[in-house]
Amino acid sequence: MLAAGTTARKSFHLDKKTALETFKDFLPLESINPDLSLGEGDTPLIQLVRLRKKFRLPLIYAKNESSNPTASFKDRGTALAVQKAVSLGIKKIGTVSTGNMAGSTAAYAAKAGLKSIIFVKEDTSRGKILAARVYGPVVVKVKGDYGQLFRKSFDIGRANGIYFMNSVDPFRIEGYKLTSYEIFFQLDAGIPDYIIVPVSAGGYLIGLMRGFADLKGLGVAPKLPLFIGVQAKGCSPLARAFARGQSRFVRFPNPQTVAHAISNPNPPGGRLVLNMIRENGGRIIAVSDEEILRAQKDLAEDEGLFCDPASATTFAGIRQLDRARMFKADDRIVLILTGSGLKTLEDMASPRIPCRTISINQLEKKVASVIS
């Protein structure tokens, strides 16, 4: 086990291979072209020492996926899907996105010399649109139902020779498995008791579960972690269905949440997620915007981790489950921070962030009064 306050990183990355090359035997690719990589993967696993002490929690690690090239977990799936696209001679790729996948797809298209088109929701944040636009794609804001747009994109792709690598694309999901393999090695070939992950379309959670299933199937992992999927209460179709014991979900009406990245009222992988979570013995829960913003603040101020509101749902979920006495003192928990808060700064624009202005002549006296 790692000493308190350390960052868990194993030597498997020291040979300078890309993450895809390191775990090639687990992936549906005949070969890996390292020239298509932006350095995705090998993200840090950080023990949350201060928050553990503050709230008297079990051992908690954060897998910081915002360390990926475009600051979100999406790069893992995009990297593999682009490898496949190039191997098949595809020249145009696209995606439907709430933000993070837009930037990731555009960046990897630029690296591979592919044309890209990005469909984003009408309410996608300006920061996330700019973070995609910088790579030179065609960006289109689309009014209307997100689920309908998701389905329509495939028709548009077939008619125009565009590979739409959307959220539950099978190659994208295969890329997400790499997070599980890294956690296993970073914990000294260990399996955490719980993995807490935000849930939107469902692809990332599916990939994580399949990754650990691979390890168990090989006989190197004795068990699977219990998975906890977290949604925002303002858009929680899967959490509602899970709480009601239902195997199917209904579209969530009028989504309203600060966690825009997981505001998906009709998740395409939702039914599979519900079935996999139940078979795993895990849960899907929902947290309020108030809990999300408090968790975001806790992670930043106590651990130096500035994640987006969607990521903060994971720590909000831990606090909720801890109050329900779910965890044992010797449990090991890994929460997944899926994206950086730097793309959602507009959500921080409020009196919650105090900033003083004083004259230079008063500086010494004022600093003494506020820092003591």
Protein backbone atom coordinates (compact mmCIF):
# COMPACT_ATOMS: atom_id res chain seq x y z
CA MET A 1 0.00 0.00 0.00
CA LEU A 2 1.17 3.54 -0.71
CA ALA A 3 2.30 5.87 2.02
CA ALA A 4 -0.01 8.74 2.95
CA GLY A 5 0.28 11.79 0.76
CA THR A 6 1.94 10.01 -2.14
CA THR A 7 0.94 9.90 -5.77
CA ALA A 8 0.56 6.36 -7.06
CA ARG A 9 2.53 5.80 -10.26
CA LYS A 10 4.10 2.55 -11.39
CA SER A 11 7.08 1.94 -13.60
CA PHE A 12 5.05 0.46 -16.47
CA HIS A 13 5.21 3.85 -18.23
CA LEU A 14 8.97 4.30 -18.05
CA ASP A 15 9.71 2.60 -21.36
CA LYS A 16 8.06 5.62 -23.07
CA LYS A 17 5.43 3.55 -24.77
CA THR A 18 2.05 5.15 -25.28
CA ALA A 19 -0.82 3.88 -23.12
CA LEU A 20 -2.28 2.13 -26.17
CA GLU A 21 1.04 0.40 -26.86
CA THR A 22 1.43 -0.67 -23.23
CA PHE A 23 -1.95 -2.44 -23.21
CA LYS A 24 -2.15 -3.36 -26.89
CA ASP A 25 -2.94 -7.02 -26.18
CA PHE A 26 -6.23 -5.96 -24.58
CA LEU A 27 -7.35 -3.80 -27.51
CA PRO A 28 -9.07 -4.49 -30.86
CA LEU A 29 -6.22 -3.07 -32.97
CA GLU A 30 -3.78 -4.97 -35.15
CA SER A 31 -1.13 -2.31 -34.66
CA ILE A 32 -0.59 1.01 -32.89
CA ASN A 33 0.72 4.10 -34.66
CA PRO A 34 2.45 6.14 -31.93
CA ASP A 35 2.51 9.18 -34.23
CA LEU A 36 -1.23 9.54 -33.67
CA SER A 37 -0.85 9.85 -29.90
CA LEU A 38 -1.01 13.10 -27.93
CA GLY A 39 0.32 11.45 -24.76
CA GLU A 40 -3.00 10.24 -23.41
CA GLY A 41 -3.21 8.02 -20.35
CA ASP A 42 -0.81 7.34 -17.49
CA THR A 43 -2.73 9.83 -15.34
CA PRO A 44 -1.95 10.19 -11.63
CA LEU A 45 -3.72 8.39 -8.80
CA ILE A 46 -3.63 10.75 -5.85
CA GLN A 47 -4.44 9.93 -2.25
CA LEU A 48 -6.87 12.43 -0.69
CA VAL A 49 -5.19 12.74 2.68
CA ARG A 50 -6.66 16.01 3.91
CA LEU A 51 -10.26 15.25 2.94
CA ARG A 52 -9.99 11.79 4.47
CA LYS A 53 -8.97 13.32 7.80
CA LYS A 54 -11.44 16.20 7.56
CA PHE A 55 -14.48 13.97 7.08
CA ARG A 56 -13.17 10.79 8.76
CA LEU A 57 -13.44 8.78 5.57
CA PRO A 58 -11.81 5.50 4.47
CA LEU A 59 -8.77 5.53 2.20
CA ILE A 60 -9.63 7.55 -0.92
CA TYR A 61 -7.73 8.06 -4.17
CA ALA A 62 -8.57 10.36 -7.06
CA LYS A 63 -7.74 9.19 -10.57
CA ASN A 64 -7.13 12.57 -12.19
CA GLU A 65 -8.21 12.21 -15.81
CA SER A 66 -7.93 15.96 -16.37
CA SER A 67 -4.19 15.25 -16.86
CA ASN A 68 -5.00 13.91 -20.33
CA PRO A 69 -4.00 16.09 -23.33
CA THR A 70 -7.34 17.88 -23.72
CA ALA A 71 -8.05 17.78 -19.98
CA SER A 72 -10.62 14.98 -19.85
CA PHE A 73 -11.00 11.20 -19.92
CA LYS A 74 -12.44 11.43 -23.44
CA ASP A 75 -8.91 11.34 -24.89
CA ARG A 76 -8.54 7.65 -24.06
CA GLY A 77 -11.52 6.67 -26.20
CA THR A 78 -10.76 9.17 -28.94
CA ALA A 79 -7.17 7.97 -29.23
CA LEU A 80 -8.25 4.40 -29.90
CA ALA A 81 -11.13 5.33 -32.22
CA VAL A 82 -8.82 7.55 -34.30
CA GLN A 83 -6.28 4.73 -34.55
CA LYS A 84 -9.05 2.55 -35.98
CA ALA A 85 -10.30 5.27 -38.32
CA VAL A 86 -6.84 5.86 -39.80
CA SER A 87 -6.23 2.13 -40.22
CA LEU A 88 -9.47 1.90 -42.23
CA GLY A 89 -8.58 4.87 -44.43
CA ILE A 90 -11.31 7.11 -43.03
CA LYS A 91 -10.67 10.82 -43.73
CA LYS A 92 -13.51 12.56 -41.86
CA ILE A 93 -14.62 12.09 -38.26
CA GLY A 94 -17.17 13.75 -36.03
CA THR A 95 -18.97 13.62 -32.73
CA VAL A 96 -22.02 14.86 -30.84
CA SER A 97 -20.90 16.42 -27.58
CA THR A 98 -21.73 18.40 -24.46
CA GLY A 99 -18.20 19.79 -24.56
CA ASN A 100 -15.28 17.58 -23.55
CA MET A 101 -15.62 15.08 -26.38
CA ALA A 102 -15.79 17.96 -28.85
CA GLY A 103 -12.32 19.19 -27.93
CA SER A 104 -10.90 15.69 -27.75
CA THR A 105 -12.21 14.64 -31.16
CA ALA A 106 -11.06 17.87 -32.79
CA ALA A 107 -7.57 17.62 -31.29
CA TYR A 108 -6.96 14.02 -32.34
CA ALA A 109 -8.36 14.74 -35.80
CA ALA A 110 -5.83 17.55 -36.14
CA LYS A 111 -3.00 15.26 -35.00
CA ALA A 112 -4.01 12.62 -37.57
CA GLY A 113 -4.62 15.08 -40.40
CA LEU A 114 -8.35 14.28 -40.55
CA LYS A 115 -11.25 16.63 -41.16
CA SER A 116 -13.67 16.88 -38.24
CA ILE A 117 -17.17 18.16 -37.61
CA ILE A 118 -18.55 18.74 -34.14
CA PHE A 119 -22.23 19.00 -33.17
CA VAL A 120 -22.68 20.59 -29.74
CA LYS A 121 -25.76 21.24 -27.63
CA GLU A 122 -27.13 24.75 -27.81
CA ASP A 123 -26.26 25.41 -24.15
CA THR A 124 -22.67 24.10 -24.33
CA SER A 125 -20.36 26.44 -22.44
CA ARG A 126 -18.37 29.00 -24.36
CA GLY A 127 -15.15 27.70 -22.82
CA LYS A 128 -15.70 24.18 -24.12
CA ILE A 129 -16.61 25.42 -27.59
CA LEU A 130 -13.45 27.52 -27.73
CA ALA A 131 -11.44 24.54 -26.47
CA ALA A 132 -12.66 22.59 -29.50
CA ARG A 133 -12.63 25.39 -32.07
CA VAL A 134 -8.91 26.05 -31.60
CA TYR A 135 -8.10 22.78 -33.40
CA GLY A 136 -9.86 23.86 -36.58
CA PRO A 137 -12.97 21.66 -36.84
CA VAL A 138 -16.36 22.61 -38.20
CA VAL A 139 -18.42 23.38 -35.08
CA VAL A 140 -22.21 23.48 -35.25
CA LYS A 141 -24.50 24.46 -32.37
CA VAL A 142 -27.71 22.49 -32.62
CA LYS A 143 -31.10 23.36 -31.15
CA GLY A 144 -33.42 20.55 -30.20
CA ASP A 145 -33.44 17.18 -28.49
CA TYR A 146 -29.97 15.82 -27.72
CA GLY A 147 -31.05 12.19 -28.11
CA GLN A 148 -32.51 12.92 -31.52
CA LEU A 149 -29.30 14.68 -32.52
CA PHE A 150 -27.26 11.67 -31.38
CA ARG A 151 -29.25 9.34 -33.63
CA LYS A 152 -29.42 11.75 -36.57
CA SER A 153 -25.64 12.19 -36.59
CA PHE A 154 -25.19 8.60 -37.77
CA ASP A 155 -27.50 9.19 -40.74
CA ILE A 156 -25.57 12.34 -41.60
CA GLY A 157 -22.31 10.43 -41.24
CA ARG A 158 -23.37 7.65 -43.58
CA ALA A 159 -24.53 10.15 -46.20
CA ASN A 160 -21.31 12.18 -46.05
CA GLY A 161 -18.59 9.66 -45.30
CA ILE A 162 -18.07 10.84 -41.72
CA TYR A 163 -17.27 8.43 -38.88
CA PHE A 164 -19.23 9.77 -35.89
CA MET A 165 -17.38 8.40 -32.87
CA ASN A 166 -20.07 9.27 -30.33
CA SER A 167 -20.15 8.47 -26.63
CA VAL A 168 -20.94 4.74 -26.79
CA ASP A 169 -18.87 3.99 -29.88
CA PRO A 170 -17.45 0.47 -29.30
CA PHE A 171 -13.86 1.54 -30.00
CA ARG A 172 -14.21 4.53 -27.70
CA ILE A 173 -15.40 2.22 -24.91
CA GLU A 174 -12.42 -0.08 -25.52
CA GLY A 175 -10.10 2.89 -24.97
CA TYR A 176 -11.77 3.67 -21.66
CA LYS A 177 -10.72 0.26 -20.32
CA LEU A 178 -7.17 1.57 -20.00
CA THR A 179 -8.17 3.58 -16.93
CA SER A 180 -8.95 0.33 -15.11
CA TYR A 181 -5.64 -1.27 -16.05
CA GLU A 182 -3.71 1.76 -14.81
CA ILE A 183 -5.55 1.82 -11.49
CA PHE A 184 -4.73 -1.86 -11.01
CA PHE A 185 -1.00 -1.28 -11.55
CA GLN A 186 -0.94 1.95 -9.55
CA LEU A 187 -2.39 0.08 -6.57
CA ASP A 188 0.38 -2.53 -6.76
CA ALA A 189 -1.79 -5.04 -8.62
CA GLY A 190 -4.65 -4.27 -6.25
CA ILE A 191 -8.39 -3.90 -6.62
CA PRO A 192 -10.18 -1.04 -4.86
CA ASP A 193 -13.35 -1.84 -2.97
CA TYR A 194 -15.28 0.93 -4.72
CA ILE A 195 -14.95 2.99 -7.87
CA ILE A 196 -17.07 6.14 -8.04
CA VAL A 197 -17.65 7.62 -11.51
CA PRO A 198 -19.90 10.29 -13.05
CA VAL A 199 -22.47 8.91 -15.48
CA SER A 200 -23.80 10.63 -18.59
CA ALA A 201 -24.19 8.51 -21.74
CA GLY A 202 -22.75 5.54 -19.84
CA GLY A 203 -19.79 4.67 -22.07
CA TYR A 204 -17.05 5.44 -19.57
CA LEU A 205 -18.58 3.36 -16.79
CA ILE A 206 -19.10 0.47 -19.24
CA GLY A 207 -15.44 0.67 -20.26
CA LEU A 208 -14.21 0.77 -16.67
CA MET A 209 -16.24 -2.29 -15.74
CA ARG A 210 -15.05 -4.20 -18.78
CA GLY A 211 -11.45 -3.33 -17.96
CA PHE A 212 -11.64 -4.88 -14.52
CA ALA A 213 -13.59 -7.83 -15.95
CA ASP A 214 -10.62 -8.43 -18.29
CA LEU A 215 -8.25 -8.53 -15.32
CA LYS A 216 -10.51 -10.91 -13.42
CA GLY A 217 -10.85 -13.12 -16.50
CA LEU A 218 -7.06 -13.37 -16.73
CA GLY A 219 -6.92 -14.53 -13.12
CA VAL A 220 -4.79 -11.59 -11.95
CA ALA A 221 -7.64 -9.85 -10.11
CA PRO A 222 -9.52 -11.84 -7.46
CA LYS A 223 -12.69 -9.72 -7.63
CA LEU A 224 -14.32 -6.71 -9.23
CA PRO A 225 -14.69 -3.37 -7.47
CA LEU A 226 -18.20 -2.28 -6.62
CA PHE A 227 -19.13 0.52 -8.99
CA ILE A 228 -21.08 3.60 -7.94
CA GLY A 229 -22.42 5.73 -10.77
CA VAL A 230 -23.29 9.32 -9.87
CA GLN A 231 -25.64 11.69 -11.65
CA ALA A 232 -26.83 15.21 -10.92
CA LYS A 233 -30.35 15.34 -9.48
CA GLY A 234 -31.27 17.88 -12.15
CA CYS A 235 -30.66 15.24 -14.84
CA SER A 236 -30.76 11.77 -13.32
CA PRO A 237 -32.70 9.32 -15.49
CA LEU A 238 -30.59 6.32 -14.48
CA ALA A 239 -30.51 7.13 -10.76
CA ARG A 240 -34.31 7.41 -10.79
CA ALA A 241 -34.72 4.08 -12.55
CA PHE A 242 -32.24 2.39 -10.20
CA ALA A 243 -33.98 3.74 -7.09
CA ARG A 244 -37.28 2.37 -8.40
CA GLY A 245 -35.83 -1.04 -9.18
CA GLN A 246 -36.46 -0.63 -12.90
CA SER A 247 -34.38 -2.17 -15.69
CA ARG A 248 -35.45 0.55 -18.11
CA PHE A 249 -35.31 4.32 -17.72
CA VAL A 250 -37.45 7.11 -19.12
CA ARG A 251 -36.19 10.32 -20.65
CA PHE A 252 -35.54 12.95 -17.98
CA PRO A 253 -37.79 16.01 -18.49
CA ASN A 254 -36.33 19.53 -18.53
CA PRO A 255 -32.73 18.89 -17.37
CA GLN A 256 -31.33 21.66 -15.15
CA THR A 257 -27.93 21.24 -13.50
CA VAL A 258 -24.59 22.95 -13.10
CA ALA A 259 -22.98 19.65 -14.14
CA HIS A 260 -23.49 20.28 -17.87
CA ALA A 261 -21.02 17.57 -18.93
CA ILE A 262 -23.32 14.83 -17.61
CA SER A 263 -26.63 16.49 -18.46
CA ASN A 264 -27.85 13.75 -20.79
CA PRO A 265 -31.61 13.19 -20.45
CA ASN A 266 -31.68 10.08 -22.64
CA PRO A 267 -28.35 8.22 -22.23
CA PRO A 268 -27.76 5.78 -25.11
CA GLY A 269 -25.88 3.32 -22.88
CA GLY A 270 -28.32 3.69 -20.02
CA ARG A 271 -30.06 0.33 -20.14
CA LEU A 272 -26.75 -1.55 -20.30
CA VAL A 273 -25.39 0.53 -17.41
CA LEU A 274 -28.42 -0.31 -15.26
CA ASN A 275 -28.03 -4.03 -15.94
CA MET A 276 -24.26 -4.06 -15.39
CA ILE A 277 -24.49 -2.10 -12.15
CA ARG A 278 -27.13 -4.45 -10.74
CA GLU A 279 -25.12 -7.52 -11.70
CA ASN A 280 -22.06 -5.92 -10.06
CA GLY A 281 -23.88 -5.15 -6.81
CA GLY A 282 -23.20 -1.44 -7.20
CA ARG A 283 -25.47 1.58 -7.21
CA ILE A 284 -26.47 4.64 -9.18
CA ILE A 285 -27.18 7.69 -7.05
CA ALA A 286 -27.96 11.37 -7.59
CA VAL A 287 -26.54 14.46 -5.86
CA SER A 288 -27.82 18.03 -5.80
CA ASP A 289 -26.13 21.04 -7.41
CA GLU A 290 -25.49 22.39 -3.92
CA GLU A 291 -23.66 19.17 -2.99
CA ILE A 292 -21.74 19.24 -6.28
CA LEU A 293 -20.46 22.80 -5.84
CA ARG A 294 -19.53 22.11 -2.21
CA ALA A 295 -17.58 19.02 -3.28
CA GLN A 296 -15.84 20.97 -6.06
CA LYS A 297 -14.77 23.54 -3.46
CA ASP A 298 -13.58 20.83 -1.04
CA LEU A 299 -11.45 19.12 -3.69
CA ALA A 300 -9.87 22.42 -4.75
CA GLU A 301 -9.25 23.98 -1.34
CA ASP A 302 -8.22 20.83 0.55
CA GLU A 303 -6.47 18.80 -2.17
CA GLY A 304 -5.48 21.28 -4.89
CA LEU A 305 -7.63 19.47 -7.46
CA PHE A 306 -9.78 21.79 -9.59
CA CYS A 307 -12.24 19.57 -11.42
CA ASP A 308 -15.40 20.36 -13.33
CA PRO A 309 -18.79 20.04 -11.60
CA ALA A 310 -19.45 16.68 -13.28
CA SER A 311 -16.29 15.28 -11.70
CA ALA A 312 -17.19 16.75 -8.32
CA THR A 313 -20.30 14.58 -8.25
CA THR A 314 -18.02 11.71 -7.25
CA PHE A 315 -16.88 13.27 -3.99
CA ALA A 316 -20.41 14.50 -3.33
CA GLY A 317 -21.48 10.88 -3.81
CA ILE A 318 -18.88 9.64 -1.33
CA ARG A 319 -20.11 12.10 1.28
CA GLN A 320 -23.71 11.02 0.71
CA LEU A 321 -22.90 7.32 0.97
CA ASP A 322 -20.70 7.87 4.01
CA ARG A 323 -23.58 9.56 5.81
CA ALA A 324 -25.62 6.45 4.98
CA ARG A 325 -22.84 4.36 6.62
CA MET A 326 -22.08 2.41 3.46
CA PHE A 327 -18.30 2.24 3.83
CA LYS A 328 -16.09 0.28 6.22
CA ALA A 329 -13.04 1.86 7.82
CA ASP A 330 -10.60 -0.33 5.87
CA ASP A 331 -12.20 0.20 2.43
CA ARG A 332 -10.20 1.58 -0.48
CA ILE A 333 -12.14 3.95 -2.73
CA VAL A 334 -11.15 5.39 -6.09
CA LEU A 335 -13.09 8.34 -7.43
CA ILE A 336 -12.66 9.37 -11.05
CA LEU A 337 -12.15 13.06 -11.81
CA THR A 338 -13.19 13.06 -15.43
CA GLY A 339 -12.41 16.64 -16.45
CA SER A 340 -10.80 19.96 -15.56
CA GLY A 341 -12.61 22.88 -13.98
CA LEU A 342 -10.76 25.27 -16.27
CA LYS A 343 -13.34 24.67 -19.02
CA THR A 344 -16.25 25.62 -16.74
CA LEU A 345 -15.00 28.80 -15.14
CA GLU A 346 -18.29 30.57 -15.85
CA ASP A 347 -19.91 28.28 -13.29
CA MET A 348 -17.53 29.70 -10.69
CA ALA A 349 -18.46 33.35 -11.36
CA SER A 350 -20.22 34.17 -8.08
CA PRO A 351 -19.56 35.66 -4.64
CA ARG A 352 -18.36 32.22 -3.56
CA ILE A 353 -14.86 33.34 -4.63
CA PRO A 354 -13.90 36.39 -2.51
CA CYS A 355 -11.16 38.71 -3.74
CA ARG A 356 -9.95 41.79 -1.86
CA THR A 357 -8.68 45.02 -3.41
CA ILE A 358 -6.55 47.32 -1.24
CA SER A 359 -4.00 50.07 -1.78
CA ILE A 360 -0.29 49.33 -1.59
CA ASN A 361 0.04 51.61 1.43
CA GLN A 362 -2.39 49.43 3.40
CA LEU A 363 -0.98 46.15 2.14
CA GLU A 364 1.19 45.17 5.11
CA LYS A 365 -1.50 45.89 7.70
CA LYS A 366 -4.30 44.20 5.74
CA VAL A 367 -2.31 41.05 4.99
CA ALA A 368 -1.47 40.66 8.66
CA SER A 369 -5.16 40.90 9.55
CA VAL A 370 -6.47 38.40 6.98
CA ILE A 371 -3.74 35.76 7.14
CA SER A 372 -3.51 35.38 10.91
